[in-house]
Amino acid sequence: MVMMQGLWTTSISLRELAQEALHSLNWYGAITNWVKSKWTDYARPVYQSVEGFIQLVEKEAFCPKYDGDYLHKKIKEMLGEKWLHETLTNVIIPSFDIRLLQPVIFSTLKAKRDDAKDAPLSEVCIGTSAAPYYLPPHHFEMNSSRGTKKFNLVDGGVAANNPTLLASCEVTKEMSQNKNSPCLNGMDFSKLLVLSLGTGSSKRDEKLEVGNGKSWGLFSWFMGPNNTTPLFDVVLTAMDDMVDIYMSVFFPGFYPPRQLSSHPDSLKYIEASTDNSKKENLENLEKIGNALLKKPVSAVNLESGLYEPLEDRGTYEEALVKFAERLSEERRFRLANSSA
């Protein structure tokens, strides 16, 4: 995102700056050099202020919003030297390699079978949390019996913002490899129990309207009305909606009891913001979550993309209790079969 705002704009031609960047392949260098040269010419006595301005431009426009140092430190403190194959529960963690332009799926079961697919858990978690613009991409290398593999990772949400379909596919593949699995006969998605907990969205806010479509340039896609980011909102929401459409096909009984999905879509934009960690907002989100438990179980309407209450399904609180009981029954069934 490039945003031009500052002092003394009457003495600077933004058009000249834009053209300088437009005609240069190295637009970062073009903008930086232009600002340095022009501001030095116009205000040589305050060159130190110009240097401060340059640093501010570089930080705000050309660097991640956060350096990630504190987050990385806490992740490493919490996970220590644990590796992916050591997780107590089998996990599936998506990320995206920007060098290969390819999703990377980290899996406990894959790591147990193949050391080339194992990795320090802290590196995996830092990689899958590296949201573009907000946090820096993460690089690390892994040595295995098959050589060295390099990872250049960003947030897995760019490939699987709603990982429900991915998780279902990965579990199905794992079950097909288990020749003793009781689910192998007539394997289909309806044999899975899926609990999908979303972080919520502001879809009902409907802040975006096309209006004069000819005014939708690069700036408008990144800086929308009321602090929205239209490009991110459109791409991520579209991916979520496509997962809902696919899942409705793969699951003959898409709604409970086989699948329970919670993804509140009536948040205000500020509540759904990726990085609003203010105390009052976190407390408000907790209240929203507690209130959601008392609301009726809902399912997405594939025409509108909005969640609508289901009749005779009870509340989310009741549905979660039933779901937990079902999971417990399934686990006892599996353990009984495996020991037989």
Protein backbone atom coordinates (compact mmCIF):
# COMPACT_ATOMS: atom_id res chain seq x y z
CA MET A 1 0.00 0.00 0.00
CA VAL A 2 1.39 3.40 -1.00
CA MET A 3 -0.22 6.41 0.71
CA MET A 4 0.96 9.93 0.05
CA GLN A 5 0.21 12.42 2.81
CA GLY A 6 2.35 14.98 4.51
CA LEU A 7 3.41 18.55 5.07
CA TRP A 8 4.14 21.17 2.47
CA THR A 9 2.15 19.43 -0.24
CA THR A 10 1.70 22.71 -2.10
CA SER A 11 5.40 22.68 -2.93
CA ILE A 12 5.43 19.05 -4.14
CA SER A 13 3.96 17.74 -7.36
CA LEU A 14 2.47 14.36 -6.54
CA ARG A 15 1.90 13.78 -10.24
CA GLU A 16 5.61 14.14 -10.90
CA LEU A 17 6.34 11.68 -8.13
CA ALA A 18 3.79 9.20 -9.45
CA GLN A 19 5.19 9.45 -13.00
CA GLU A 20 8.72 8.95 -11.69
CA ALA A 21 7.64 5.69 -10.06
CA LEU A 22 5.46 4.64 -12.98
CA HIS A 23 8.27 4.74 -15.51
CA SER A 24 10.75 2.93 -13.31
CA LEU A 25 10.88 -0.82 -12.78
CA ASN A 26 12.37 -0.16 -9.35
CA TRP A 27 9.48 1.98 -8.10
CA TYR A 28 10.60 1.74 -4.48
CA GLY A 29 13.98 3.20 -5.36
CA ALA A 30 12.39 5.77 -7.68
CA ILE A 31 10.08 7.11 -4.99
CA THR A 32 12.79 7.13 -2.30
CA ASN A 33 15.34 8.85 -4.56
CA TRP A 34 12.79 11.38 -5.78
CA VAL A 35 11.73 12.34 -2.27
CA LYS A 36 15.32 12.62 -1.11
CA SER A 37 16.42 14.77 -4.06
CA LYS A 38 13.37 17.03 -4.19
CA TRP A 39 13.09 17.59 -0.47
CA THR A 40 16.82 18.26 -0.24
CA ASP A 41 16.51 20.90 -2.97
CA TYR A 42 13.41 22.51 -1.46
CA ALA A 43 14.39 22.36 2.19
CA ARG A 44 18.12 21.84 2.56
CA PRO A 45 18.27 23.61 5.97
CA VAL A 46 15.98 20.93 7.45
CA TYR A 47 17.64 17.87 5.92
CA GLN A 48 17.48 15.96 9.18
CA SER A 49 13.70 16.33 9.14
CA VAL A 50 13.70 15.04 5.58
CA GLU A 51 15.60 11.93 6.70
CA GLY A 52 12.99 11.38 9.39
CA PHE A 53 10.27 11.78 6.79
CA ILE A 54 12.00 9.24 4.53
CA GLN A 55 12.19 6.74 7.38
CA LEU A 56 8.51 7.26 8.09
CA VAL A 57 7.60 6.68 4.43
CA GLU A 58 9.72 3.54 4.30
CA LYS A 59 8.17 2.19 7.51
CA GLU A 60 4.56 2.94 6.63
CA ALA A 61 4.61 2.12 2.90
CA PHE A 62 7.40 -0.37 2.37
CA CYS A 63 7.59 -2.41 5.58
CA PRO A 64 5.18 -4.72 7.41
CA LYS A 65 2.88 -2.95 9.83
CA TYR A 66 4.47 -4.87 12.72
CA ASP A 67 8.00 -6.29 12.98
CA GLY A 68 6.75 -9.51 14.60
CA ASP A 69 9.65 -9.68 17.07
CA TYR A 70 7.47 -9.98 20.17
CA LEU A 71 5.15 -12.53 18.56
CA HIS A 72 8.08 -14.67 17.40
CA LYS A 73 9.65 -14.51 20.85
CA LYS A 74 6.44 -15.63 22.58
CA ILE A 75 5.86 -18.46 20.10
CA LYS A 76 9.37 -19.80 20.67
CA GLU A 77 8.99 -19.48 24.44
CA MET A 78 5.69 -21.39 24.40
CA LEU A 79 6.72 -24.17 22.00
CA GLY A 80 10.38 -24.50 22.88
CA GLU A 81 12.15 -27.25 20.94
CA LYS A 82 9.01 -29.22 20.07
CA TRP A 83 8.70 -30.60 16.54
CA LEU A 84 5.64 -31.12 14.39
CA HIS A 85 5.66 -34.91 14.87
CA GLU A 86 5.46 -34.42 18.66
CA THR A 87 2.08 -32.69 18.88
CA LEU A 88 -0.31 -34.38 21.32
CA THR A 89 -3.17 -34.05 18.85
CA ASN A 90 -2.80 -34.59 15.12
CA VAL A 91 -2.74 -31.16 13.51
CA ILE A 92 -3.01 -29.85 9.94
CA ILE A 93 -1.47 -26.39 9.49
CA PRO A 94 -1.66 -24.60 6.12
CA SER A 95 0.85 -22.01 4.99
CA PHE A 96 1.86 -20.55 1.63
CA ASP A 97 5.32 -20.47 0.08
CA ILE A 98 5.72 -17.21 -1.83
CA ARG A 99 8.86 -18.42 -3.62
CA LEU A 100 7.13 -21.48 -5.04
CA LEU A 101 3.69 -19.83 -5.19
CA GLN A 102 2.38 -23.03 -3.70
CA PRO A 103 0.44 -23.96 -0.53
CA VAL A 104 2.41 -25.91 2.06
CA ILE A 105 0.43 -28.24 4.30
CA PHE A 106 2.15 -29.21 7.55
CA SER A 107 0.71 -32.36 9.12
CA THR A 108 1.59 -34.33 12.24
CA LEU A 109 0.88 -37.66 10.55
CA LYS A 110 2.94 -36.78 7.48
CA ALA A 111 5.82 -35.66 9.74
CA LYS A 112 5.73 -39.00 11.59
CA ARG A 113 6.01 -40.91 8.31
CA ASP A 114 8.57 -38.70 6.56
CA ASP A 115 11.29 -36.64 8.27
CA ALA A 116 11.43 -34.40 5.16
CA LYS A 117 7.95 -33.14 6.14
CA ASP A 118 8.82 -32.54 9.77
CA ALA A 119 9.79 -29.11 11.14
CA PRO A 120 10.17 -27.22 14.43
CA LEU A 121 6.68 -26.34 15.56
CA SER A 122 7.70 -22.74 16.32
CA GLU A 123 8.88 -22.21 12.73
CA VAL A 124 5.62 -23.61 11.37
CA CYS A 125 3.51 -21.38 13.62
CA ILE A 126 5.50 -18.24 12.81
CA GLY A 127 5.15 -19.02 9.10
CA THR A 128 1.40 -19.62 9.16
CA SER A 129 0.80 -16.44 11.17
CA ALA A 130 2.77 -14.16 8.82
CA ALA A 131 -0.21 -12.27 7.45
CA PRO A 132 0.83 -10.16 4.41
CA TYR A 133 1.15 -6.45 5.18
CA TYR A 134 0.76 -7.03 8.93
CA LEU A 135 3.78 -9.28 9.64
CA PRO A 136 6.99 -10.11 7.75
CA PRO A 137 7.20 -13.32 5.69
CA HIS A 138 9.12 -16.09 7.43
CA HIS A 139 12.15 -17.94 6.06
CA PHE A 140 13.74 -21.07 7.46
CA GLU A 141 15.57 -24.15 6.20
CA MET A 142 15.12 -27.81 7.09
CA ASN A 143 17.68 -30.59 6.79
CA SER A 144 16.43 -34.14 6.34
CA SER A 145 17.50 -37.47 4.89
CA ARG A 146 16.53 -36.04 1.48
CA GLY A 147 18.61 -32.88 1.71
CA THR A 148 17.89 -29.25 2.57
CA LYS A 149 14.54 -27.64 1.93
CA LYS A 150 13.95 -23.89 2.05
CA PHE A 151 10.68 -22.33 3.15
CA ASN A 152 9.51 -18.78 2.39
CA LEU A 153 6.17 -18.65 4.16
CA VAL A 154 3.23 -16.35 4.69
CA ASP A 155 -0.12 -16.81 6.40
CA GLY A 156 -1.94 -19.96 5.35
CA GLY A 157 -5.10 -17.86 5.09
CA VAL A 158 -4.06 -16.68 1.63
CA ALA A 159 -4.64 -20.26 0.44
CA ALA A 160 -7.18 -21.59 2.95
CA ASN A 161 -8.79 -18.75 4.85
CA ASN A 162 -11.56 -21.21 5.70
CA PRO A 163 -9.63 -24.48 6.18
CA THR A 164 -12.72 -26.71 6.55
CA LEU A 165 -12.44 -28.21 3.07
CA LEU A 166 -8.69 -28.66 3.36
CA ALA A 167 -9.03 -30.43 6.72
CA SER A 168 -11.74 -32.73 5.36
CA CYS A 169 -9.60 -33.65 2.33
CA GLU A 170 -6.49 -34.30 4.44
CA VAL A 171 -8.39 -36.47 6.93
CA THR A 172 -9.96 -38.44 4.10
CA LYS A 173 -6.54 -39.11 2.56
CA GLU A 174 -5.17 -40.25 5.92
CA MET A 175 -8.09 -42.60 6.46
CA SER A 176 -7.61 -44.11 2.99
CA GLN A 177 -4.01 -44.96 3.95
CA ASN A 178 -5.19 -46.84 7.02
CA LYS A 179 -6.14 -50.24 5.61
CA ASN A 180 -7.81 -51.20 8.89
CA SER A 181 -10.04 -48.13 9.03
CA PRO A 182 -13.73 -49.08 9.52
CA CYS A 183 -14.62 -46.08 7.35
CA LEU A 184 -12.86 -47.37 4.23
CA ASN A 185 -15.95 -49.12 2.88
CA GLY A 186 -17.87 -46.53 0.90
CA MET A 187 -15.68 -43.69 2.18
CA ASP A 188 -17.34 -40.29 1.88
CA PHE A 189 -17.37 -36.97 3.67
CA SER A 190 -20.59 -37.80 5.49
CA LYS A 191 -18.57 -40.14 7.71
CA LEU A 192 -16.69 -37.18 9.16
CA LEU A 193 -17.61 -35.01 12.12
CA VAL A 194 -16.65 -31.39 11.45
CA LEU A 195 -16.59 -28.55 13.96
CA SER A 196 -15.87 -25.28 12.13
CA LEU A 197 -15.31 -22.22 14.32
CA GLY A 198 -14.84 -18.99 12.39
CA THR A 199 -13.53 -15.71 13.74
CA GLY A 200 -16.52 -13.77 12.42
CA SER A 201 -16.98 -11.18 9.70
CA SER A 202 -18.67 -7.85 9.04
CA LYS A 203 -20.49 -9.15 5.99
CA ARG A 204 -23.84 -7.66 7.04
CA ASP A 205 -22.22 -4.23 7.35
CA GLU A 206 -22.35 -3.81 3.56
CA LYS A 207 -19.96 -0.86 3.51
CA LEU A 208 -18.89 -1.23 -0.12
CA GLU A 209 -20.80 0.01 -3.15
CA VAL A 210 -19.42 0.38 -6.64
CA GLY A 211 -20.78 3.87 -7.31
CA ASN A 212 -18.64 5.30 -10.09
CA GLY A 213 -16.68 2.19 -11.06
CA LYS A 214 -14.20 4.27 -13.07
CA SER A 215 -12.81 5.69 -9.83
CA TRP A 216 -11.80 2.27 -8.50
CA GLY A 217 -8.05 2.42 -9.01
CA LEU A 218 -5.23 0.91 -6.96
CA PHE A 219 -5.73 3.31 -4.06
CA SER A 220 -9.46 2.61 -3.81
CA TRP A 221 -8.90 -1.15 -3.63
CA PHE A 222 -6.51 -0.79 -0.71
CA MET A 223 -8.05 2.19 1.08
CA GLY A 224 -11.84 1.97 1.00
CA PRO A 225 -14.47 3.98 2.88
CA ASN A 226 -14.52 3.87 6.68
CA ASN A 227 -11.04 2.30 6.90
CA THR A 228 -12.01 -0.74 4.83
CA THR A 229 -9.57 -2.69 2.66
CA PRO A 230 -11.78 -3.77 -0.25
CA LEU A 231 -9.23 -5.99 -2.00
CA PHE A 232 -8.54 -8.10 1.10
CA ASP A 233 -12.24 -8.23 2.00
CA VAL A 234 -13.32 -9.34 -1.47
CA VAL A 235 -10.61 -11.99 -1.97
CA LEU A 236 -10.84 -13.56 1.49
CA THR A 237 -14.64 -13.51 1.60
CA ALA A 238 -14.83 -15.04 -1.86
CA MET A 239 -12.58 -17.91 -0.76
CA ASP A 240 -14.74 -18.50 2.32
CA ASP A 241 -17.92 -18.54 0.26
CA MET A 242 -16.49 -21.00 -2.26
CA VAL A 243 -15.60 -23.37 0.59
CA ASP A 244 -19.23 -23.22 1.75
CA ILE A 245 -20.39 -24.09 -1.78
CA TYR A 246 -17.96 -27.01 -2.09
CA MET A 247 -18.82 -28.35 1.35
CA SER A 248 -22.52 -28.30 0.54
CA VAL A 249 -21.75 -30.77 -2.27
CA PHE A 250 -19.32 -33.02 -0.41
CA PHE A 251 -21.50 -33.31 2.69
CA PRO A 252 -24.87 -34.89 1.83
CA GLY A 253 -26.06 -33.80 5.27
CA PHE A 254 -24.23 -30.49 5.35
CA TYR A 255 -25.77 -29.25 8.56
CA PRO A 256 -25.72 -30.73 12.08
CA PRO A 257 -25.24 -33.30 13.45
CA ARG A 258 -22.38 -34.16 11.04
CA GLN A 259 -21.11 -30.61 10.79
CA LEU A 260 -21.45 -27.70 13.20
CA SER A 261 -20.34 -24.35 11.86
CA SER A 262 -20.16 -21.06 13.73
CA HIS A 263 -19.14 -17.96 11.84
CA PRO A 264 -20.98 -14.83 13.03
CA ASP A 265 -21.39 -12.39 10.16
CA SER A 266 -22.92 -9.41 11.95
CA LEU A 267 -19.77 -7.91 13.49
CA LYS A 268 -19.05 -4.25 13.03
CA TYR A 269 -16.05 -3.58 10.82
CA ILE A 270 -13.91 -2.44 13.76
CA GLU A 271 -14.81 -5.64 15.65
CA ALA A 272 -13.73 -7.82 12.73
CA SER A 273 -10.49 -5.92 12.22
CA THR A 274 -7.45 -8.19 11.99
CA ASP A 275 -5.28 -6.30 14.46
CA ASN A 276 -7.60 -4.42 16.81
CA SER A 277 -6.17 -5.72 20.09
CA LYS A 278 -7.38 -2.88 22.29
CA LYS A 279 -8.63 -4.08 25.66
CA GLU A 280 -12.15 -2.81 25.13
CA ASN A 281 -12.43 -4.57 21.77
CA LEU A 282 -11.16 -7.89 23.15
CA GLU A 283 -13.64 -7.66 26.02
CA ASN A 284 -16.41 -6.85 23.55
CA LEU A 285 -15.50 -9.87 21.40
CA GLU A 286 -15.70 -12.08 24.47
CA LYS A 287 -19.21 -10.78 25.13
CA ILE A 288 -20.16 -11.46 21.50
CA GLY A 289 -18.87 -15.03 21.82
CA ASN A 290 -20.80 -15.66 25.03
CA ALA A 291 -23.95 -14.23 23.49
CA LEU A 292 -23.49 -16.46 20.44
CA LEU A 293 -23.77 -19.57 22.64
CA LYS A 294 -27.36 -18.61 23.47
CA LYS A 295 -28.34 -18.03 19.84
CA PRO A 296 -29.95 -20.67 17.60
CA VAL A 297 -27.69 -22.82 15.44
CA SER A 298 -27.39 -21.27 11.99
CA ALA A 299 -26.26 -22.34 8.55
CA VAL A 300 -25.14 -20.33 5.55
CA ASN A 301 -27.65 -19.47 2.85
CA LEU A 302 -25.71 -20.16 -0.35
CA GLU A 303 -27.70 -17.55 -2.26
CA SER A 304 -27.05 -14.62 0.09
CA GLY A 305 -23.90 -15.89 1.81
CA LEU A 306 -25.43 -14.99 5.19
CA TYR A 307 -26.05 -17.26 8.14
CA GLU A 308 -29.69 -18.01 8.95
CA PRO A 309 -31.16 -19.81 12.00
CA LEU A 310 -32.14 -23.45 11.57
CA GLU A 311 -35.43 -24.71 12.96
CA ASP A 312 -35.42 -27.28 15.78
CA ARG A 313 -31.64 -27.31 16.09
CA GLY A 314 -31.42 -25.67 19.49
CA THR A 315 -28.77 -23.18 20.56
CA TYR A 316 -25.06 -23.32 19.88
CA GLU A 317 -24.48 -24.15 23.53
CA GLU A 318 -26.76 -27.20 23.31
CA ALA A 319 -25.33 -28.23 19.94
CA LEU A 320 -21.74 -28.11 21.26
CA VAL A 321 -22.65 -30.41 24.16
CA LYS A 322 -24.24 -32.92 21.77
CA PHE A 323 -21.27 -32.63 19.43
CA ALA A 324 -18.83 -33.34 22.27
CA GLU A 325 -20.85 -36.40 23.26
CA ARG A 326 -20.77 -37.63 19.66
CA LEU A 327 -17.00 -37.13 19.44
CA SER A 328 -16.55 -39.08 22.67
CA GLU A 329 -18.68 -41.94 21.33
CA GLU A 330 -16.70 -42.00 18.07
CA ARG A 331 -13.40 -42.13 19.95
CA ARG A 332 -14.55 -45.01 22.15
CA PHE A 333 -15.71 -46.83 19.01
CA ARG A 334 -12.32 -46.37 17.31
CA LEU A 335 -10.38 -47.48 20.37
CA ALA A 336 -12.55 -50.56 20.73
CA ASN A 337 -11.97 -51.50 17.07
CA SER A 338 -8.24 -50.89 17.22
CA SER A 339 -7.80 -53.17 20.25
CA ALA A 340 -10.01 -55.93 18.85
